[in-house]
Amino acid sequence: MTKNIRPRRSVLYMPGSNARAQEKAKTLVADALILDLEDAVAPDAKAEAREIVCANAASGDYGNREIIIRVNGLDTPWGKDDIIAAAKAGPDAILLPKVESAAQVQTLEKIMTEAGAPEATTIWCMMETPLGILKAEEIAASSLRVDCFVMGTSDLVKDLQAQHTPMRLPVITSLGLCLLAGRAYGLTVLDGVYLDLADEDGFRASCVQGLELGFDGKTLIHPKQLAPTNEVFAPSEAEVVHSRKVIEAFEAAEKEGKGVVLVDGKLVENLHVEIAKAKVAMADAIAAAAE
């Protein structure tokens, strides 16, 4: 189980230098927005993008959406200044690219703290290199601020010298290692992007596969991907109804001192109750975020 039950079904990347797109994002049905200072911004636009992104993050104009700022890496000319400015803006999280060690996370945290980042601002980690994947457990345990792993599958496929395939078998091991580390330390884990905007069926299949693997949600590159993602990663109405039934039956059996609980002819154990409570909590969180 994750330590944060805020819905993170759909997490949309927004180019940091595109003020118009960030304005439009205030009306989109994304659970979270990543205001991107890294890949989406040309070198000569980095400083201007930083001002735009930090002003928007500090504005409070995005309602219940989580706002995450993806900074440039610590080994770039812009990384430290990005972190200082982001910390002062007070977003929900700062996303560090290409994380490969606990030391990187701890350096980020030190800069954040010295710059006055609110305690509520968490750290998200891009998991997108072979070394980063191998160090997933170390990274997950590196700081209490670490709250989320974001899979960078495009870079990962490139570094593995692999290929993008429908079933994503070349990266299954990497995805699994990050899911294991994330779950061991109570983190949210988000699936990587799907690049073919014309392939709607392939995109939905990727969302379903991500859900089956255990991801909490998916990172996105275009608003047209929001609706199917939100649908796939939300508990269905039937699932919520069944989950409430499981919880009620189990609680009633406990009060009566019964050792065996059956719901619709199936045995219910503690693990089923935990799953049911998680689904109900997520459904309630989605409803609350929509208000």
Protein backbone atom coordinates (compact mmCIF):
# COMPACT_ATOMS: atom_id res chain seq x y z
CA MET A 1 0.00 0.00 0.00
CA THR A 2 1.18 3.54 -0.69
CA LYS A 3 1.43 6.14 2.04
CA ASN A 4 -0.50 8.69 -0.02
CA ILE A 5 -4.06 8.00 -1.14
CA ARG A 6 -4.35 11.06 -3.33
CA PRO A 7 -5.35 9.85 -6.79
CA ARG A 8 -2.42 9.77 -9.18
CA ARG A 9 -4.07 7.97 -12.07
CA SER A 10 -3.14 10.56 -14.68
CA VAL A 11 0.06 12.61 -14.38
CA LEU A 12 0.53 14.93 -17.34
CA TYR A 13 3.83 16.47 -18.42
CA MET A 14 3.58 20.18 -19.29
CA PRO A 15 6.40 22.01 -21.14
CA GLY A 16 7.90 24.51 -18.72
CA SER A 17 8.35 27.22 -21.34
CA ASN A 18 4.77 27.02 -22.61
CA ALA A 19 2.79 29.44 -20.43
CA ARG A 20 -0.33 29.00 -22.56
CA ALA A 21 -0.37 25.21 -22.09
CA GLN A 22 0.08 25.61 -18.34
CA GLU A 23 -2.86 28.02 -18.26
CA LYS A 24 -5.03 25.53 -20.15
CA ALA A 25 -3.99 22.80 -17.72
CA LYS A 26 -6.08 24.49 -15.02
CA THR A 27 -9.17 23.04 -16.72
CA LEU A 28 -7.87 19.55 -17.51
CA VAL A 29 -9.01 16.43 -15.64
CA ALA A 30 -5.47 15.40 -14.70
CA ASP A 31 -4.83 14.22 -11.17
CA ALA A 32 -1.36 15.77 -11.28
CA LEU A 33 0.75 18.00 -13.51
CA ILE A 34 4.50 17.79 -13.99
CA LEU A 35 5.73 21.26 -14.97
CA ASP A 36 8.85 20.28 -16.84
CA LEU A 37 12.09 22.28 -16.83
CA GLU A 38 14.19 19.43 -18.21
CA ASP A 39 13.53 17.60 -21.50
CA ALA A 40 10.77 19.91 -22.72
CA VAL A 41 12.83 23.13 -22.52
CA ALA A 42 15.66 24.25 -24.80
CA PRO A 43 18.87 25.43 -23.11
CA ASP A 44 18.35 29.08 -24.03
CA ALA A 45 14.82 29.01 -22.54
CA LYS A 46 15.67 27.39 -19.19
CA ALA A 47 15.77 30.59 -17.10
CA GLU A 48 12.51 31.95 -18.52
CA ALA A 49 10.79 28.58 -18.09
CA ARG A 50 11.91 28.48 -14.46
CA GLU A 51 10.16 31.80 -13.79
CA ILE A 52 6.96 30.70 -15.53
CA VAL A 53 6.81 27.31 -13.80
CA CYS A 54 7.58 28.58 -10.31
CA ALA A 55 5.04 31.39 -10.58
CA ASN A 56 2.37 28.91 -11.63
CA ALA A 57 3.32 26.42 -8.92
CA ALA A 58 3.02 29.13 -6.28
CA SER A 59 -0.24 30.53 -7.64
CA GLY A 60 -2.66 28.06 -6.07
CA ASP A 61 -4.74 28.24 -9.26
CA TYR A 62 -4.75 24.52 -10.08
CA GLY A 63 -7.41 23.37 -7.63
CA ASN A 64 -7.00 19.84 -6.30
CA ARG A 65 -4.39 18.87 -8.88
CA GLU A 66 -0.98 17.98 -7.51
CA ILE A 67 1.75 20.21 -8.94
CA ILE A 68 5.20 18.73 -9.46
CA ILE A 69 8.21 20.59 -10.83
CA ARG A 70 10.72 18.48 -12.77
CA VAL A 71 14.07 20.18 -12.37
CA ASN A 72 17.20 19.72 -14.41
CA GLY A 73 19.79 17.28 -13.09
CA LEU A 74 22.29 18.30 -10.44
CA ASP A 75 25.09 17.78 -12.96
CA THR A 76 23.73 20.48 -15.29
CA PRO A 77 24.26 24.26 -15.17
CA TRP A 78 20.60 24.77 -14.24
CA GLY A 79 19.91 22.05 -11.66
CA LYS A 80 20.78 23.81 -8.42
CA ASP A 81 19.06 27.06 -9.38
CA ASP A 82 15.98 25.07 -10.44
CA ILE A 83 15.83 23.34 -7.07
CA ILE A 84 16.23 26.56 -5.09
CA ALA A 85 13.50 28.31 -7.10
CA ALA A 86 11.19 25.28 -6.94
CA ALA A 87 11.68 24.97 -3.18
CA LYS A 88 10.65 28.59 -2.70
CA ALA A 89 7.58 28.09 -4.93
CA GLY A 90 6.37 25.27 -2.67
CA PRO A 91 4.94 22.72 -5.14
CA ASP A 92 3.58 19.38 -3.98
CA ALA A 93 6.80 17.71 -5.14
CA ILE A 94 10.11 18.20 -6.90
CA LEU A 95 10.95 15.55 -9.49
CA LEU A 96 14.64 14.76 -10.00
CA PRO A 97 15.64 13.18 -13.32
CA LYS A 98 17.98 10.22 -13.79
CA VAL A 99 18.29 9.32 -10.12
CA GLU A 100 21.05 6.76 -9.60
CA SER A 101 21.94 6.92 -5.90
CA ALA A 102 20.77 7.83 -2.42
CA ALA A 103 23.44 10.56 -2.40
CA GLN A 104 21.73 12.40 -5.26
CA VAL A 105 18.44 12.42 -3.40
CA GLN A 106 20.09 13.60 -0.20
CA THR A 107 21.86 16.43 -2.04
CA LEU A 108 18.53 17.49 -3.52
CA GLU A 109 16.93 17.38 -0.08
CA LYS A 110 19.74 19.47 1.45
CA ILE A 111 19.35 22.17 -1.20
CA MET A 112 15.57 22.12 -0.79
CA THR A 113 15.77 22.44 2.98
CA GLU A 114 18.31 25.27 2.87
CA ALA A 115 16.08 27.10 0.37
CA GLY A 116 13.09 26.84 2.71
CA ALA A 117 11.04 24.13 1.02
CA PRO A 118 7.83 23.40 2.95
CA GLU A 119 7.83 20.11 4.86
CA ALA A 120 4.91 19.00 2.69
CA THR A 121 6.97 19.24 -0.52
CA THR A 122 8.02 15.69 -1.32
CA ILE A 123 10.64 14.22 -3.63
CA TRP A 124 9.77 12.24 -6.74
CA CYS A 125 12.48 10.24 -8.53
CA MET A 126 12.78 9.50 -12.24
CA MET A 127 13.84 5.88 -12.63
CA GLU A 128 15.23 5.78 -16.15
CA THR A 129 18.76 4.39 -16.26
CA PRO A 130 20.16 0.89 -15.74
CA LEU A 131 22.15 2.02 -12.69
CA GLY A 132 19.11 3.75 -11.22
CA ILE A 133 17.05 0.58 -11.57
CA LEU A 134 19.76 -1.49 -9.87
CA LYS A 135 19.82 1.03 -7.00
CA ALA A 136 16.00 1.24 -6.65
CA GLU A 137 15.90 0.00 -3.05
CA GLU A 138 18.68 2.37 -1.96
CA ILE A 139 16.89 5.29 -3.61
CA ALA A 140 13.51 4.39 -2.09
CA ALA A 141 15.07 4.35 1.39
CA SER A 142 17.18 7.48 0.92
CA SER A 143 14.87 10.05 2.51
CA LEU A 144 11.50 10.31 4.23
CA ARG A 145 10.61 12.93 1.63
CA VAL A 146 10.77 10.37 -1.19
CA ASP A 147 7.16 9.70 -2.14
CA CYS A 148 7.05 8.50 -5.73
CA PHE A 149 8.97 6.67 -8.44
CA VAL A 150 8.31 7.80 -12.02
CA MET A 151 9.34 5.32 -14.70
CA GLY A 152 11.26 6.90 -17.57
CA THR A 153 10.74 4.07 -20.02
CA SER A 154 11.86 5.95 -23.14
CA ASP A 155 15.33 6.64 -21.79
CA LEU A 156 15.46 3.20 -20.24
CA VAL A 157 14.75 1.44 -23.54
CA LYS A 158 17.46 3.54 -25.19
CA ASP A 159 20.06 2.78 -22.51
CA LEU A 160 19.23 -0.93 -22.56
CA GLN A 161 19.67 -0.91 -26.36
CA ALA A 162 16.26 -2.57 -26.42
CA GLN A 163 13.10 -1.96 -28.44
CA HIS A 164 9.62 -0.65 -27.73
CA THR A 165 7.25 -3.62 -28.02
CA PRO A 166 3.51 -3.93 -27.26
CA MET A 167 4.04 -6.20 -24.23
CA ARG A 168 7.14 -4.25 -23.09
CA LEU A 169 9.04 -7.44 -22.30
CA PRO A 170 12.43 -5.67 -22.66
CA VAL A 171 11.68 -3.50 -19.61
CA ILE A 172 9.52 -5.84 -17.52
CA THR A 173 12.42 -6.66 -15.19
CA SER A 174 13.15 -2.97 -14.65
CA LEU A 175 9.49 -2.15 -14.01
CA GLY A 176 9.23 -5.04 -11.55
CA LEU A 177 12.33 -4.02 -9.58
CA CYS A 178 11.00 -0.49 -9.14
CA LEU A 179 7.57 -1.76 -8.13
CA LEU A 180 9.16 -4.06 -5.55
CA ALA A 181 11.25 -1.27 -4.06
CA GLY A 182 8.37 1.19 -4.19
CA ARG A 183 5.95 -1.13 -2.43
CA ALA A 184 8.56 -2.11 0.16
CA TYR A 185 8.93 1.54 1.16
CA GLY A 186 5.35 2.71 0.72
CA LEU A 187 5.84 4.79 -2.43
CA THR A 188 3.55 5.60 -5.31
CA VAL A 189 4.93 4.13 -8.55
CA LEU A 190 3.90 5.64 -11.90
CA ASP A 191 4.18 3.96 -15.29
CA GLY A 192 6.07 5.58 -18.16
CA VAL A 193 4.66 7.46 -21.14
CA TYR A 194 3.15 6.05 -24.33
CA LEU A 195 4.55 7.90 -27.33
CA ASP A 196 2.19 7.00 -30.21
CA LEU A 197 -0.70 9.45 -29.89
CA ALA A 198 -2.47 7.95 -32.92
CA ASP A 199 -2.62 4.44 -31.41
CA GLU A 200 -5.59 4.68 -29.05
CA ASP A 201 -6.03 0.92 -28.70
CA GLY A 202 -2.35 0.41 -27.96
CA PHE A 203 -2.45 3.18 -25.38
CA ARG A 204 -5.41 1.69 -23.54
CA ALA A 205 -3.74 -1.74 -23.59
CA SER A 206 -0.65 -0.15 -22.06
CA CYS A 207 -2.78 1.37 -19.29
CA VAL A 208 -4.42 -1.99 -18.57
CA GLN A 209 -1.03 -3.70 -18.49
CA GLY A 210 0.27 -1.03 -16.11
CA LEU A 211 -2.70 -1.56 -13.80
CA GLU A 212 -2.18 -5.33 -13.88
CA LEU A 213 1.52 -4.93 -13.05
CA GLY A 214 0.64 -2.82 -10.01
CA PHE A 215 1.23 0.79 -11.04
CA ASP A 216 -0.81 3.52 -9.34
CA GLY A 217 -1.16 5.57 -12.51
CA LYS A 218 0.55 6.64 -15.71
CA THR A 219 2.56 9.61 -16.91
CA LEU A 220 1.16 11.23 -20.05
CA ILE A 221 2.33 13.47 -22.87
CA HIS A 222 -1.00 14.77 -24.22
CA PRO A 223 -4.43 15.74 -22.79
CA LYS A 224 -6.17 13.28 -25.15
CA GLN A 225 -4.69 10.49 -23.02
CA LEU A 226 -6.37 11.68 -19.81
CA ALA A 227 -9.84 10.15 -20.10
CA PRO A 228 -8.82 6.54 -20.80
CA THR A 229 -6.13 6.69 -18.13
CA ASN A 230 -8.51 7.98 -15.48
CA GLU A 231 -11.01 5.28 -16.40
CA VAL A 232 -8.56 2.37 -16.33
CA PHE A 233 -6.81 3.32 -13.09
CA ALA A 234 -9.99 4.09 -11.13
CA PRO A 235 -11.90 1.37 -9.29
CA SER A 236 -15.09 0.59 -11.22
CA GLU A 237 -18.48 1.16 -9.61
CA ALA A 238 -18.96 -2.60 -9.39
CA GLU A 239 -15.58 -3.01 -7.67
CA VAL A 240 -16.44 -0.35 -5.10
CA VAL A 241 -19.84 -1.88 -4.36
CA HIS A 242 -18.25 -5.31 -3.92
CA SER A 243 -15.47 -3.88 -1.77
CA ARG A 244 -17.93 -2.23 0.60
CA LYS A 245 -19.81 -5.53 0.81
CA VAL A 246 -16.57 -7.36 1.72
CA ILE A 247 -15.70 -4.83 4.43
CA GLU A 248 -19.18 -4.92 5.95
CA ALA A 249 -19.34 -8.74 5.92
CA PHE A 250 -15.92 -9.07 7.51
CA GLU A 251 -16.68 -6.54 10.24
CA ALA A 252 -20.02 -8.23 10.98
CA ALA A 253 -18.35 -11.63 11.21
CA GLU A 254 -15.72 -10.29 13.60
CA LYS A 255 -18.41 -8.90 15.91
CA GLU A 256 -20.18 -12.24 15.91
CA GLY A 257 -16.93 -14.13 16.54
CA LYS A 258 -17.13 -16.08 13.30
CA GLY A 259 -13.88 -17.48 11.92
CA VAL A 260 -15.02 -17.90 8.33
CA VAL A 261 -16.47 -15.15 6.13
CA LEU A 262 -18.11 -15.79 2.77
CA VAL A 263 -19.14 -13.12 0.26
CA ASP A 264 -20.95 -14.30 -2.87
CA GLY A 265 -19.78 -17.82 -2.07
CA LYS A 266 -16.10 -16.87 -1.86
CA LEU A 267 -13.87 -16.97 1.20
CA VAL A 268 -12.82 -13.57 2.51
CA GLU A 269 -9.54 -13.19 4.38
CA ASN A 270 -7.64 -10.24 5.83
CA LEU A 271 -5.78 -9.59 2.57
CA HIS A 272 -9.09 -9.27 0.69
CA VAL A 273 -10.30 -6.74 3.26
CA GLU A 274 -7.11 -4.70 2.86
CA ILE A 275 -7.57 -4.65 -0.92
CA ALA A 276 -11.23 -3.70 -0.52
CA LYS A 277 -10.39 -0.84 1.86
CA ALA A 278 -7.76 0.46 -0.55
CA LYS A 279 -10.27 0.49 -3.43
CA VAL A 280 -12.89 2.30 -1.37
CA ALA A 281 -10.34 4.82 -0.11
CA MET A 282 -9.20 5.53 -3.66
CA ALA A 283 -12.77 5.90 -4.91
CA ASP A 284 -13.50 8.35 -2.08
CA ALA A 285 -10.29 10.26 -2.83
CA ILE A 286 -11.19 10.54 -6.53
CA ALA A 287 -14.67 11.81 -5.64
CA ALA A 288 -13.24 14.34 -3.19
CA ALA A 289 -10.69 15.61 -5.72
CA ALA A 290 -13.46 16.16 -8.27
CA GLU A 291 -15.45 18.44 -5.97
